[in-house]
Amino acid sequence: TVLQVRRVLSFGGTPVILEDIWLPAVPFKGLTADRLANYQGPMYALFETEFNVRMVRADEKIRAVAAMGIQATLLKVKRNTPLLSVERIAYTYQNEPIELRRGYYRTDTHYYHNAMN
């Protein structure tokens, strides 16, 4: 069983990132939409403090795509607007894949920056 989360992150009132996240249900038992919405902080910090799941590395694939359907609607851009697609698999200390994340990023107002320390 897998949990799926879809979220739109906005900055200054502008939707900038659309993310779809898939997580295995067993380690994240009790994770709800309300819990995610009410948590004030980074999602990975929630995973560590509430579910004892530590993601220590990730592999990402990045490419340019055109906004289609739901992407254009949720990001409030015209169809075929260029977006940056980022697909990430995050791993635990045991090198177990624990998260699949697909994000679509507007690049007309922001740029993609990822610092993984």
PDB file of N, CA and C in Angstrom:
ATOM      1  N   THR A   1       0.835  -1.178   0.000  1.00  0.00           N
ATOM      2  CA  THR A   1       0.000   0.000   0.000  1.00  0.00           C
ATOM      3  C   THR A   1       0.878   1.237   0.000  1.00  0.00           C
ATOM      4  N   VAL A   2       0.455   2.235  -0.757  1.00  0.00           N
ATOM      5  CA  VAL A   2       1.236   3.451  -0.922  1.00  0.00           C
ATOM      6  C   VAL A   2       0.361   4.662  -0.604  1.00  0.00           C
ATOM      7  N   LEU A   3       0.956   5.649   0.049  1.00  0.00           N
ATOM      8  CA  LEU A   3       0.290   6.928   0.266  1.00  0.00           C
ATOM      9  C   LEU A   3       0.713   7.880  -0.839  1.00  0.00           C
ATOM     10  N   GLN A   4      -0.235   8.667  -1.334  1.00  0.00           N
ATOM     11  CA  GLN A   4       0.110   9.688  -2.316  1.00  0.00           C
ATOM     12  C   GLN A   4      -0.286  11.043  -1.760  1.00  0.00           C
ATOM     13  N   VAL A   5       0.634  11.990  -1.900  1.00  0.00           N
ATOM     14  CA  VAL A   5       0.407  13.365  -1.471  1.00  0.00           C
ATOM     15  C   VAL A   5       0.558  14.249  -2.699  1.00  0.00           C
ATOM     16  N   ARG A   6      -0.380  15.135  -2.907  1.00  0.00           N
ATOM     17  CA  ARG A   6      -0.242  16.156  -3.957  1.00  0.00           C
ATOM     18  C   ARG A   6      -0.318  17.498  -3.245  1.00  0.00           C
ATOM     19  N   ARG A   7       0.656  18.346  -3.538  1.00  0.00           N
ATOM     20  CA  ARG A   7       0.641  19.664  -2.916  1.00  0.00           C
ATOM     21  C   ARG A   7       1.148  20.710  -3.892  1.00  0.00           C
ATOM     22  N   VAL A   8       0.672  21.926  -3.690  1.00  0.00           N
ATOM     23  CA  VAL A   8       1.116  23.080  -4.464  1.00  0.00           C
ATOM     24  C   VAL A   8       1.747  24.048  -3.475  1.00  0.00           C
ATOM     25  N   LEU A   9       2.997  24.422  -3.758  1.00  0.00           N
ATOM     26  CA  LEU A   9       3.689  25.391  -2.920  1.00  0.00           C
ATOM     27  C   LEU A   9       3.668  26.740  -3.623  1.00  0.00           C
ATOM     28  N   SER A  10       3.269  27.756  -2.876  1.00  0.00           N
ATOM     29  CA  SER A  10       3.170  29.103  -3.412  1.00  0.00           C
ATOM     30  C   SER A  10       4.140  30.021  -2.695  1.00  0.00           C
ATOM     31  N   PHE A  11       4.607  31.019  -3.405  1.00  0.00           N
ATOM     32  CA  PHE A  11       5.486  32.039  -2.841  1.00  0.00           C
ATOM     33  C   PHE A  11       4.929  33.389  -3.264  1.00  0.00           C
ATOM     34  N   GLY A  12       4.681  34.245  -2.289  1.00  0.00           N
ATOM     35  CA  GLY A  12       4.116  35.553  -2.590  1.00  0.00           C
ATOM     36  C   GLY A  12       2.770  35.461  -3.274  1.00  0.00           C
ATOM     37  N   GLY A  13       2.006  34.416  -2.969  1.00  0.00           N
ATOM     38  CA  GLY A  13       0.690  34.239  -3.561  1.00  0.00           C
ATOM     39  C   GLY A  13       0.686  33.611  -4.948  1.00  0.00           C
ATOM     40  N   THR A  14       1.869  33.289  -5.473  1.00  0.00           N
ATOM     41  CA  THR A  14       1.981  32.678  -6.799  1.00  0.00           C
ATOM     42  C   THR A  14       2.307  31.201  -6.661  1.00  0.00           C
ATOM     43  N   PRO A  15       1.490  30.302  -7.231  1.00  0.00           N
ATOM     44  CA  PRO A  15       1.841  28.877  -7.197  1.00  0.00           C
ATOM     45  C   PRO A  15       3.097  28.642  -8.034  1.00  0.00           C
ATOM     46  N   VAL A  16       4.101  27.997  -7.423  1.00  0.00           N
ATOM     47  CA  VAL A  16       5.396  27.829  -8.076  1.00  0.00           C
ATOM     48  C   VAL A  16       5.756  26.358  -8.272  1.00  0.00           C
ATOM     49  N   ILE A  17       5.349  25.489  -7.341  1.00  0.00           N
ATOM     50  CA  ILE A  17       5.744  24.081  -7.388  1.00  0.00           C
ATOM     51  C   ILE A  17       4.510  23.201  -7.203  1.00  0.00           C
ATOM     52  N   LEU A  18       4.366  22.240  -8.090  1.00  0.00           N
ATOM     53  CA  LEU A  18       3.368  21.181  -7.943  1.00  0.00           C
ATOM     54  C   LEU A  18       4.140  19.904  -7.674  1.00  0.00           C
ATOM     55  N   GLU A  19       3.831  19.242  -6.554  1.00  0.00           N
ATOM     56  CA  GLU A  19       4.530  17.998  -6.215  1.00  0.00           C
ATOM     57  C   GLU A  19       3.549  16.858  -6.017  1.00  0.00           C
ATOM     58  N   ASP A  20       3.917  15.710  -6.544  1.00  0.00           N
ATOM     59  CA  ASP A  20       3.263  14.445  -6.232  1.00  0.00           C
ATOM     60  C   ASP A  20       4.305  13.599  -5.527  1.00  0.00           C
ATOM     61  N   ILE A  21       3.920  13.077  -4.357  1.00  0.00           N
ATOM     62  CA  ILE A  21       4.845  12.323  -3.515  1.00  0.00           C
ATOM     63  C   ILE A  21       4.196  10.980  -3.191  1.00  0.00           C
ATOM     64  N   TRP A  22       4.970   9.909  -3.352  1.00  0.00           N
ATOM     65  CA  TRP A  22       4.503   8.574  -3.010  1.00  0.00           C
ATOM     66  C   TRP A  22       5.384   8.018  -1.900  1.00  0.00           C
ATOM     67  N   LEU A  23       4.728   7.490  -0.855  1.00  0.00           N
ATOM     68  CA  LEU A  23       5.418   6.948   0.319  1.00  0.00           C
ATOM     69  C   LEU A  23       4.841   5.579   0.645  1.00  0.00           C
ATOM     70  N   PRO A  24       5.670   4.655   1.143  1.00  0.00           N
ATOM     71  CA  PRO A  24       5.118   3.364   1.590  1.00  0.00           C
ATOM     72  C   PRO A  24       4.245   3.586   2.824  1.00  0.00           C
ATOM     73  N   ALA A  25       3.083   2.943   2.855  1.00  0.00           N
ATOM     74  CA  ALA A  25       2.102   3.194   3.910  1.00  0.00           C
ATOM     75  C   ALA A  25       2.552   2.741   5.296  1.00  0.00           C
ATOM     76  N   VAL A  26       3.243   1.618   5.389  1.00  0.00           N
ATOM     77  CA  VAL A  26       3.567   1.061   6.711  1.00  0.00           C
ATOM     78  C   VAL A  26       4.441   1.997   7.548  1.00  0.00           C
ATOM     79  N   PRO A  27       5.574   2.498   7.051  1.00  0.00           N
ATOM     80  CA  PRO A  27       6.386   3.385   7.887  1.00  0.00           C
ATOM     81  C   PRO A  27       5.704   4.718   8.206  1.00  0.00           C
ATOM     82  N   PHE A  28       4.711   5.107   7.394  1.00  0.00           N
ATOM     83  CA  PHE A  28       4.056   6.403   7.573  1.00  0.00           C
ATOM     84  C   PHE A  28       2.610   6.252   8.052  1.00  0.00           C
ATOM     85  N   LYS A  29       2.360   5.187   8.804  1.00  0.00           N
ATOM     86  CA  LYS A  29       1.017   4.962   9.343  1.00  0.00           C
ATOM     87  C   LYS A  29       0.623   6.154  10.210  1.00  0.00           C
ATOM     88  N   GLY A  30      -0.545   6.704   9.957  1.00  0.00           N
ATOM     89  CA  GLY A  30      -1.024   7.858  10.711  1.00  0.00           C
ATOM     90  C   GLY A  30      -0.787   9.186  10.017  1.00  0.00           C
ATOM     91  N   LEU A  31      -0.102   9.165   8.888  1.00  0.00           N
ATOM     92  CA  LEU A  31       0.118  10.400   8.140  1.00  0.00           C
ATOM     93  C   LEU A  31      -1.177  10.756   7.410  1.00  0.00           C
ATOM     94  N   THR A  32      -1.674  11.948   7.670  1.00  0.00           N
ATOM     95  CA  THR A  32      -2.919  12.405   7.046  1.00  0.00           C
ATOM     96  C   THR A  32      -2.695  13.762   6.389  1.00  0.00           C
ATOM     97  N   ALA A  33      -3.645  14.142   5.547  1.00  0.00           N
ATOM     98  CA  ALA A  33      -3.578  15.455   4.896  1.00  0.00           C
ATOM     99  C   ALA A  33      -3.605  16.562   5.947  1.00  0.00           C
ATOM    100  N   ASP A  34      -4.430  16.405   6.981  1.00  0.00           N
ATOM    101  CA  ASP A  34      -4.492  17.421   8.043  1.00  0.00           C
ATOM    102  C   ASP A  34      -3.162  17.538   8.776  1.00  0.00           C
ATOM    103  N   ARG A  35      -2.552  16.422   9.050  1.00  0.00           N
ATOM    104  CA  ARG A  35      -1.264  16.428   9.750  1.00  0.00           C
ATOM    105  C   ARG A  35      -0.200  17.153   8.926  1.00  0.00           C
ATOM    106  N   LEU A  36      -0.176  16.882   7.624  1.00  0.00           N
ATOM    107  CA  LEU A  36       0.766  17.571   6.743  1.00  0.00           C
ATOM    108  C   LEU A  36       0.471  19.068   6.689  1.00  0.00           C
ATOM    109  N   ALA A  37      -0.798  19.422   6.558  1.00  0.00           N
ATOM    110  CA  ALA A  37      -1.178  20.833   6.430  1.00  0.00           C
ATOM    111  C   ALA A  37      -0.867  21.621   7.697  1.00  0.00           C
ATOM    112  N   ASN A  38      -0.988  20.978   8.852  1.00  0.00           N
ATOM    113  CA  ASN A  38      -0.786  21.673  10.116  1.00  0.00           C
ATOM    114  C   ASN A  38       0.667  21.704  10.583  1.00  0.00           C
ATOM    115  N   TYR A  39       1.527  20.926   9.955  1.00  0.00           N
ATOM    116  CA  TYR A  39       2.929  20.883  10.364  1.00  0.00           C
ATOM    117  C   TYR A  39       3.650  22.119   9.854  1.00  0.00           C
ATOM    118  N   GLN A  40       4.309  22.819  10.732  1.00  0.00           N
ATOM    119  CA  GLN A  40       5.060  24.024  10.373  1.00  0.00           C
ATOM    120  C   GLN A  40       6.542  23.681  10.302  1.00  0.00           C
ATOM    121  N   GLY A  41       7.008  23.350   9.135  1.00  0.00           N
ATOM    122  CA  GLY A  41       8.414  23.006   8.963  1.00  0.00           C
ATOM    123  C   GLY A  41       8.602  22.132   7.745  1.00  0.00           C
ATOM    124  N   PRO A  42       9.843  21.757   7.468  1.00  0.00           N
ATOM    125  CA  PRO A  42      10.132  20.915   6.306  1.00  0.00           C
ATOM    126  C   PRO A  42       9.505  19.521   6.445  1.00  0.00           C
ATOM    127  N   MET A  43       9.052  18.977   5.341  1.00  0.00           N
ATOM    128  CA  MET A  43       8.404  17.668   5.343  1.00  0.00           C
ATOM    129  C   MET A  43       9.345  16.578   5.869  1.00  0.00           C
ATOM    130  N   TYR A  44      10.623  16.637   5.496  1.00  0.00           N
ATOM    131  CA  TYR A  44      11.559  15.612   5.955  1.00  0.00           C
ATOM    132  C   TYR A  44      11.741  15.671   7.474  1.00  0.00           C
ATOM    133  N   ALA A  45      11.644  16.851   8.075  1.00  0.00           N
ATOM    134  CA  ALA A  45      11.728  16.962   9.536  1.00  0.00           C
ATOM    135  C   ALA A  45      10.525  16.270  10.182  1.00  0.00           C
ATOM    136  N   LEU A  46       9.357  16.413   9.587  1.00  0.00           N
ATOM    137  CA  LEU A  46       8.166  15.702  10.069  1.00  0.00           C
ATOM    138  C   LEU A  46       8.384  14.201   9.995  1.00  0.00           C
ATOM    139  N   PHE A  47       8.927  13.741   8.885  1.00  0.00           N
ATOM    140  CA  PHE A  47       9.163  12.310   8.721  1.00  0.00           C
ATOM    141  C   PHE A  47      10.122  11.788   9.793  1.00  0.00           C
ATOM    142  N   GLU A  48      11.135  12.559  10.116  1.00  0.00           N
ATOM    143  CA  GLU A  48      12.108  12.140  11.132  1.00  0.00           C
ATOM    144  C   GLU A  48      11.510  12.159  12.532  1.00  0.00           C
ATOM    145  N   THR A  49      10.872  13.274  12.908  1.00  0.00           N
ATOM    146  CA  THR A  49      10.399  13.425  14.284  1.00  0.00           C
ATOM    147  C   THR A  49       9.157  12.598  14.593  1.00  0.00           C
ATOM    148  N   GLU A  50       8.260  12.476  13.640  1.00  0.00           N
ATOM    149  CA  GLU A  50       6.991  11.794  13.895  1.00  0.00           C
ATOM    150  C   GLU A  50       6.966  10.322  13.481  1.00  0.00           C
ATOM    151  N   PHE A  51       7.817   9.955  12.507  1.00  0.00           N
ATOM    152  CA  PHE A  51       7.753   8.599  11.973  1.00  0.00           C
ATOM    153  C   PHE A  51       9.095   7.869  12.035  1.00  0.00           C
ATOM    154  N   ASN A  52      10.104   8.531  12.567  1.00  0.00           N
ATOM    155  CA  ASN A  52      11.441   7.950  12.717  1.00  0.00           C
ATOM    156  C   ASN A  52      12.004   7.436  11.381  1.00  0.00           C
ATOM    157  N   VAL A  53      11.715   8.165  10.310  1.00  0.00           N
ATOM    158  CA  VAL A  53      12.217   7.833   8.979  1.00  0.00           C
ATOM    159  C   VAL A  53      13.203   8.923   8.580  1.00  0.00           C
ATOM    160  N   ARG A  54      14.453   8.526   8.347  1.00  0.00           N
ATOM    161  CA  ARG A  54      15.489   9.482   7.968  1.00  0.00           C
ATOM    162  C   ARG A  54      15.914   9.235   6.524  1.00  0.00           C
ATOM    163  N   MET A  55      15.756  10.273   5.736  1.00  0.00           N
ATOM    164  CA  MET A  55      16.173  10.204   4.340  1.00  0.00           C
ATOM    165  C   MET A  55      17.540  10.871   4.253  1.00  0.00           C
ATOM    166  N   VAL A  56      18.526  10.094   3.820  1.00  0.00           N
ATOM    167  CA  VAL A  56      19.905  10.589   3.885  1.00  0.00           C
ATOM    168  C   VAL A  56      20.524  10.896   2.527  1.00  0.00           C
ATOM    169  N   ARG A  57      19.904  10.408   1.466  1.00  0.00           N
ATOM    170  CA  ARG A  57      20.411  10.748   0.138  1.00  0.00           C
ATOM    171  C   ARG A  57      19.269  10.632  -0.858  1.00  0.00           C
ATOM    172  N   ALA A  58      19.485  11.263  -2.009  1.00  0.00           N
ATOM    173  CA  ALA A  58      18.461  11.224  -3.046  1.00  0.00           C
ATOM    174  C   ALA A  58      19.122  11.250  -4.417  1.00  0.00           C
ATOM    175  N   ASP A  59      18.479  10.603  -5.361  1.00  0.00           N
ATOM    176  CA  ASP A  59      18.873  10.667  -6.760  1.00  0.00           C
ATOM    177  C   ASP A  59      17.787  11.446  -7.480  1.00  0.00           C
ATOM    178  N   GLU A  60      18.196  12.403  -8.305  1.00  0.00           N
ATOM    179  CA  GLU A  60      17.237  13.217  -9.037  1.00  0.00           C
ATOM    180  C   GLU A  60      17.522  13.188 -10.532  1.00  0.00           C
ATOM    181  N   LYS A  61      16.432  13.260 -11.283  1.00  0.00           N
ATOM    182  CA  LYS A  61      16.508  13.424 -12.731  1.00  0.00           C
ATOM    183  C   LYS A  61      15.730  14.701 -13.049  1.00  0.00           C
ATOM    184  N   ILE A  62      16.359  15.581 -13.828  1.00  0.00           N
ATOM    185  CA  ILE A  62      15.752  16.870 -14.131  1.00  0.00           C
ATOM    186  C   ILE A  62      15.663  17.035 -15.646  1.00  0.00           C
ATOM    187  N   ARG A  63      14.507  17.538 -16.108  1.00  0.00           N
ATOM    188  CA  ARG A  63      14.354  17.809 -17.536  1.00  0.00           C
ATOM    189  C   ARG A  63      13.299  18.892 -17.741  1.00  0.00           C
ATOM    190  N   ALA A  64      13.302  19.477 -18.902  1.00  0.00           N
ATOM    191  CA  ALA A  64      12.306  20.470 -19.265  1.00  0.00           C
ATOM    192  C   ALA A  64      11.083  19.769 -19.849  1.00  0.00           C
ATOM    193  N   VAL A  65       9.898  20.252 -19.476  1.00  0.00           N
ATOM    194  CA  VAL A  65       8.646  19.710 -19.999  1.00  0.00           C
ATOM    195  C   VAL A  65       7.704  20.879 -20.270  1.00  0.00           C
ATOM    196  N   ALA A  66       6.629  20.599 -20.974  1.00  0.00           N
ATOM    197  CA  ALA A  66       5.581  21.587 -21.223  1.00  0.00           C
ATOM    198  C   ALA A  66       4.423  21.338 -20.268  1.00  0.00           C
ATOM    199  N   ALA A  67       3.874  22.402 -19.701  1.00  0.00           N
ATOM    200  CA  ALA A  67       2.735  22.285 -18.792  1.00  0.00           C
ATOM    201  C   ALA A  67       1.532  21.742 -19.542  1.00  0.00           C
ATOM    202  N   MET A  68       0.926  20.720 -18.980  1.00  0.00           N
ATOM    203  CA  MET A  68      -0.258  20.115 -19.575  1.00  0.00           C
ATOM    204  C   MET A  68      -1.350  20.037 -18.507  1.00  0.00           C
ATOM    205  N   GLY A  69      -2.572  19.946 -18.900  1.00  0.00           N
ATOM    206  CA  GLY A  69      -3.716  19.672 -18.038  1.00  0.00           C
ATOM    207  C   GLY A  69      -3.638  20.191 -16.626  1.00  0.00           C
ATOM    208  N   ILE A  70      -3.567  19.247 -15.679  1.00  0.00           N
ATOM    209  CA  ILE A  70      -3.613  19.587 -14.252  1.00  0.00           C
ATOM    210  C   ILE A  70      -2.422  20.437 -13.833  1.00  0.00           C
ATOM    211  N   GLN A  71      -1.276  20.233 -14.448  1.00  0.00           N
ATOM    212  CA  GLN A  71      -0.094  21.041 -14.122  1.00  0.00           C
ATOM    213  C   GLN A  71      -0.366  22.511 -14.437  1.00  0.00           C
ATOM    214  N   ALA A  72      -0.865  22.775 -15.628  1.00  0.00           N
ATOM    215  CA  ALA A  72      -1.168  24.154 -16.023  1.00  0.00           C
ATOM    216  C   ALA A  72      -2.239  24.754 -15.122  1.00  0.00           C
ATOM    217  N   THR A  73      -3.260  23.979 -14.819  1.00  0.00           N
ATOM    218  CA  THR A  73      -4.348  24.469 -13.975  1.00  0.00           C
ATOM    219  C   THR A  73      -3.862  24.818 -12.576  1.00  0.00           C
ATOM    220  N   LEU A  74      -3.167  23.884 -11.921  1.00  0.00           N
ATOM    221  CA  LEU A  74      -2.751  24.107 -10.537  1.00  0.00           C
ATOM    222  C   LEU A  74      -1.645  25.147 -10.406  1.00  0.00           C
ATOM    223  N   LEU A  75      -0.789  25.255 -11.413  1.00  0.00           N
ATOM    224  CA  LEU A  75       0.286  26.254 -11.361  1.00  0.00           C
ATOM    225  C   LEU A  75      -0.138  27.590 -11.983  1.00  0.00           C
ATOM    226  N   LYS A  76      -1.369  27.624 -12.508  1.00  0.00           N
ATOM    227  CA  LYS A  76      -1.937  28.846 -13.076  1.00  0.00           C
ATOM    228  C   LYS A  76      -1.063  29.428 -14.185  1.00  0.00           C
ATOM    229  N   VAL A  77      -0.705  28.534 -15.115  1.00  0.00           N
ATOM    230  CA  VAL A  77       0.044  28.941 -16.302  1.00  0.00           C
ATOM    231  C   VAL A  77      -0.703  28.433 -17.527  1.00  0.00           C
ATOM    232  N   LYS A  78      -0.359  28.956 -18.689  1.00  0.00           N
ATOM    233  CA  LYS A  78      -0.958  28.486 -19.928  1.00  0.00           C
ATOM    234  C   LYS A  78      -0.398  27.109 -20.285  1.00  0.00           C
ATOM    235  N   ARG A  79      -1.223  26.327 -20.990  1.00  0.00           N
ATOM    236  CA  ARG A  79      -0.730  25.045 -21.496  1.00  0.00           C
ATOM    237  C   ARG A  79       0.520  25.294 -22.333  1.00  0.00           C
ATOM    238  N   ASN A  80       1.445  24.365 -22.270  1.00  0.00           N
ATOM    239  CA  ASN A  80       2.723  24.395 -22.991  1.00  0.00           C
ATOM    240  C   ASN A  80       3.731  25.387 -22.421  1.00  0.00           C
ATOM    241  N   THR A  81       3.418  26.022 -21.285  1.00  0.00           N
ATOM    242  CA  THR A  81       4.419  26.848 -20.611  1.00  0.00           C
ATOM    243  C   THR A  81       5.564  25.935 -20.186  1.00  0.00           C
ATOM    244  N   PRO A  82       6.813  26.341 -20.394  1.00  0.00           N
ATOM    245  CA  PRO A  82       7.937  25.502 -19.961  1.00  0.00           C
ATOM    246  C   PRO A  82       7.969  25.343 -18.435  1.00  0.00           C
ATOM    247  N   LEU A  83       8.141  24.119 -18.005  1.00  0.00           N
ATOM    248  CA  LEU A  83       8.304  23.791 -16.586  1.00  0.00           C
ATOM    249  C   LEU A  83       9.553  22.939 -16.433  1.00  0.00           C
ATOM    250  N   LEU A  84      10.076  22.918 -15.239  1.00  0.00           N
ATOM    251  CA  LEU A  84      11.173  22.023 -14.917  1.00  0.00           C
ATOM    252  C   LEU A  84      10.579  20.830 -14.181  1.00  0.00           C
ATOM    253  N   SER A  85      10.823  19.624 -14.677  1.00  0.00           N
ATOM    254  CA  SER A  85      10.349  18.394 -14.041  1.00  0.00           C
ATOM    255  C   SER A  85      11.511  17.781 -13.262  1.00  0.00           C
ATOM    256  N   VAL A  86      11.277  17.522 -11.973  1.00  0.00           N
ATOM    257  CA  VAL A  86      12.298  16.920 -11.122  1.00  0.00           C
ATOM    258  C   VAL A  86      11.720  15.645 -10.525  1.00  0.00           C
ATOM    259  N   GLU A  87      12.337  14.516 -10.857  1.00  0.00           N
ATOM    260  CA  GLU A  87      11.939  13.225 -10.286  1.00  0.00           C
ATOM    261  C   GLU A  87      13.003  12.796  -9.294  1.00  0.00           C
ATOM    262  N   ARG A  88      12.578  12.501  -8.065  1.00  0.00           N
ATOM    263  CA  ARG A  88      13.516  12.177  -6.997  1.00  0.00           C
ATOM    264  C   ARG A  88      13.131  10.863  -6.330  1.00  0.00           C
ATOM    265  N   ILE A  89      14.133  10.049  -6.068  1.00  0.00           N
ATOM    266  CA  ILE A  89      13.978   8.892  -5.188  1.00  0.00           C
ATOM    267  C   ILE A  89      14.881   9.153  -3.993  1.00  0.00           C
ATOM    268  N   ALA A  90      14.286   9.156  -2.802  1.00  0.00           N
ATOM    269  CA  ALA A  90      15.043   9.385  -1.565  1.00  0.00           C
ATOM    270  C   ALA A  90      15.239   8.047  -0.852  1.00  0.00           C
ATOM    271  N   TYR A  91      16.407   7.936  -0.201  1.00  0.00           N
ATOM    272  CA  TYR A  91      16.811   6.678   0.436  1.00  0.00           C
ATOM    273  C   TYR A  91      17.110   6.882   1.920  1.00  0.00           C
ATOM    274  N   THR A  92      16.925   5.806   2.689  1.00  0.00           N
ATOM    275  CA  THR A  92      17.233   5.802   4.117  1.00  0.00           C
ATOM    276  C   THR A  92      18.698   5.403   4.333  1.00  0.00           C
ATOM    277  N   TYR A  93      19.108   5.386   5.613  1.00  0.00           N
ATOM    278  CA  TYR A  93      20.454   4.932   5.970  1.00  0.00           C
ATOM    279  C   TYR A  93      20.718   3.505   5.480  1.00  0.00           C
ATOM    280  N   GLN A  94      19.679   2.692   5.424  1.00  0.00           N
ATOM    281  CA  GLN A  94      19.819   1.302   4.973  1.00  0.00           C
ATOM    282  C   GLN A  94      19.779   1.193   3.450  1.00  0.00           C
ATOM    283  N   ASN A  95      19.876   2.333   2.765  1.00  0.00           N
ATOM    284  CA  ASN A  95      19.850   2.389   1.302  1.00  0.00           C
ATOM    285  C   ASN A  95      18.531   1.866   0.743  1.00  0.00           C
ATOM    286  N   GLU A  96      17.466   2.012   1.521  1.00  0.00           N
ATOM    287  CA  GLU A  96      16.134   1.590   1.116  1.00  0.00           C
ATOM    288  C   GLU A  96      15.403   2.777   0.473  1.00  0.00           C
ATOM    289  N   PRO A  97      14.868   2.618  -0.743  1.00  0.00           N
ATOM    290  CA  PRO A  97      14.082   3.710  -1.323  1.00  0.00           C
ATOM    291  C   PRO A  97      12.816   3.914  -0.498  1.00  0.00           C
ATOM    292  N   ILE A  98      12.564   5.137  -0.059  1.00  0.00           N
ATOM    293  CA  ILE A  98      11.462   5.410   0.853  1.00  0.00           C
ATOM    294  C   ILE A  98      10.506   6.471   0.328  1.00  0.00           C
ATOM    295  N   GLU A  99      10.927   7.199  -0.698  1.00  0.00           N
ATOM    296  CA  GLU A  99      10.062   8.244  -1.247  1.00  0.00           C
ATOM    297  C   GLU A  99      10.314   8.389  -2.745  1.00  0.00           C
ATOM    298  N   LEU A 100       9.222   8.497  -3.490  1.00  0.00           N
ATOM    299  CA  LEU A 100       9.287   8.888  -4.893  1.00  0.00           C
ATOM    300  C   LEU A 100       8.560  10.218  -4.977  1.00  0.00           C
ATOM    301  N   ARG A 101       9.225  11.215  -5.546  1.00  0.00           N
ATOM    302  CA  ARG A 101       8.648  12.557  -5.639  1.00  0.00           C
ATOM    303  C   ARG A 101       8.809  13.062  -7.066  1.00  0.00           C
ATOM    304  N   ARG A 102       7.720  13.594  -7.611  1.00  0.00           N
ATOM    305  CA  ARG A 102       7.765  14.224  -8.928  1.00  0.00           C
ATOM    306  C   ARG A 102       7.280  15.654  -8.753  1.00  0.00           C
ATOM    307  N   GLY A 103       8.137  16.593  -9.072  1.00  0.00           N
ATOM    308  CA  GLY A 103       7.783  17.997  -8.948  1.00  0.00           C
ATOM    309  C   GLY A 103       7.823  18.703 -10.277  1.00  0.00           C
ATOM    310  N   TYR A 104       6.934  19.662 -10.419  1.00  0.00           N
ATOM    311  CA  TYR A 104       6.906  20.529 -11.592  1.00  0.00           C
ATOM    312  C   TYR A 104       7.107  21.954 -11.101  1.00  0.00           C
ATOM    313  N   TYR A 105       8.109  22.613 -11.633  1.00  0.00           N
ATOM    314  CA  TYR A 105       8.534  23.920 -11.144  1.00  0.00           C
ATOM    315  C   TYR A 105       8.372  24.979 -12.224  1.00  0.00           C
ATOM    316  N   ARG A 106       7.732  26.084 -11.843  1.00  0.00           N
ATOM    317  CA  ARG A 106       7.705  27.244 -12.727  1.00  0.00           C
ATOM    318  C   ARG A 106       9.081  27.881 -12.708  1.00  0.00           C
ATOM    319  N   THR A 107       9.549  28.276 -13.862  1.00  0.00           N
ATOM    320  CA  THR A 107      10.864  28.917 -13.929  1.00  0.00           C
ATOM    321  C   THR A 107      10.768  30.358 -14.439  1.00  0.00           C
ATOM    322  N   ASP A 108       9.543  30.837 -14.637  1.00  0.00           N
ATOM    323  CA  ASP A 108       9.392  32.216 -15.091  1.00  0.00           C
ATOM    324  C   ASP A 108       9.572  33.212 -13.943  1.00  0.00           C
ATOM    325  N   THR A 109       9.320  32.784 -12.721  1.00  0.00           N
ATOM    326  CA  THR A 109       9.430  33.687 -11.570  1.00  0.00           C
ATOM    327  C   THR A 109      10.453  33.209 -10.537  1.00  0.00           C
ATOM    328  N   HIS A 110      10.875  31.959 -10.615  1.00  0.00           N
ATOM    329  CA  HIS A 110      11.791  31.380  -9.640  1.00  0.00           C
ATOM    330  C   HIS A 110      12.755  30.432 -10.357  1.00  0.00           C
ATOM    331  N   TYR A 111      13.772  30.003  -9.648  1.00  0.00           N
ATOM    332  CA  TYR A 111      14.676  29.003 -10.202  1.00  0.00           C
ATOM    333  C   TYR A 111      14.784  27.843  -9.232  1.00  0.00           C
ATOM    334  N   TYR A 112      15.181  26.708  -9.736  1.00  0.00           N
ATOM    335  CA  TYR A 112      15.315  25.506  -8.916  1.00  0.00           C
ATOM    336  C   TYR A 112      16.657  25.555  -8.202  1.00  0.00           C
ATOM    337  N   HIS A 113      16.619  25.367  -6.896  1.00  0.00           N
ATOM    338  CA  HIS A 113      17.845  25.329  -6.079  1.00  0.00           C
ATOM    339  C   HIS A 113      17.693  24.184  -5.096  1.00  0.00           C
ATOM    340  N   ASN A 114      18.672  23.322  -5.054  1.00  0.00           N
ATOM    341  CA  ASN A 114      18.622  22.177  -4.140  1.00  0.00           C
ATOM    342  C   ASN A 114      19.963  22.068  -3.436  1.00  0.00           C
ATOM    343  N   ALA A 115      19.941  22.218  -2.123  1.00  0.00           N
ATOM    344  CA  ALA A 115      21.143  22.030  -1.311  1.00  0.00           C
ATOM    345  C   ALA A 115      20.867  20.866  -0.368  1.00  0.00           C
ATOM    346  N   MET A 116      21.545  19.775  -0.571  1.00  0.00           N
ATOM    347  CA  MET A 116      21.345  18.591   0.281  1.00  0.00           C
ATOM    348  C   MET A 116      22.596  18.412   1.113  1.00  0.00           C
ATOM    349  N   ASN A 117      22.483  18.761   2.368  1.00  0.00           N
ATOM    350  CA  ASN A 117      23.626  18.678   3.293  1.00  0.00           C
ATOM    351  C   ASN A 117      23.587  17.431   4.127  1.00  0.00           C
TER     352      ASN A 117
END
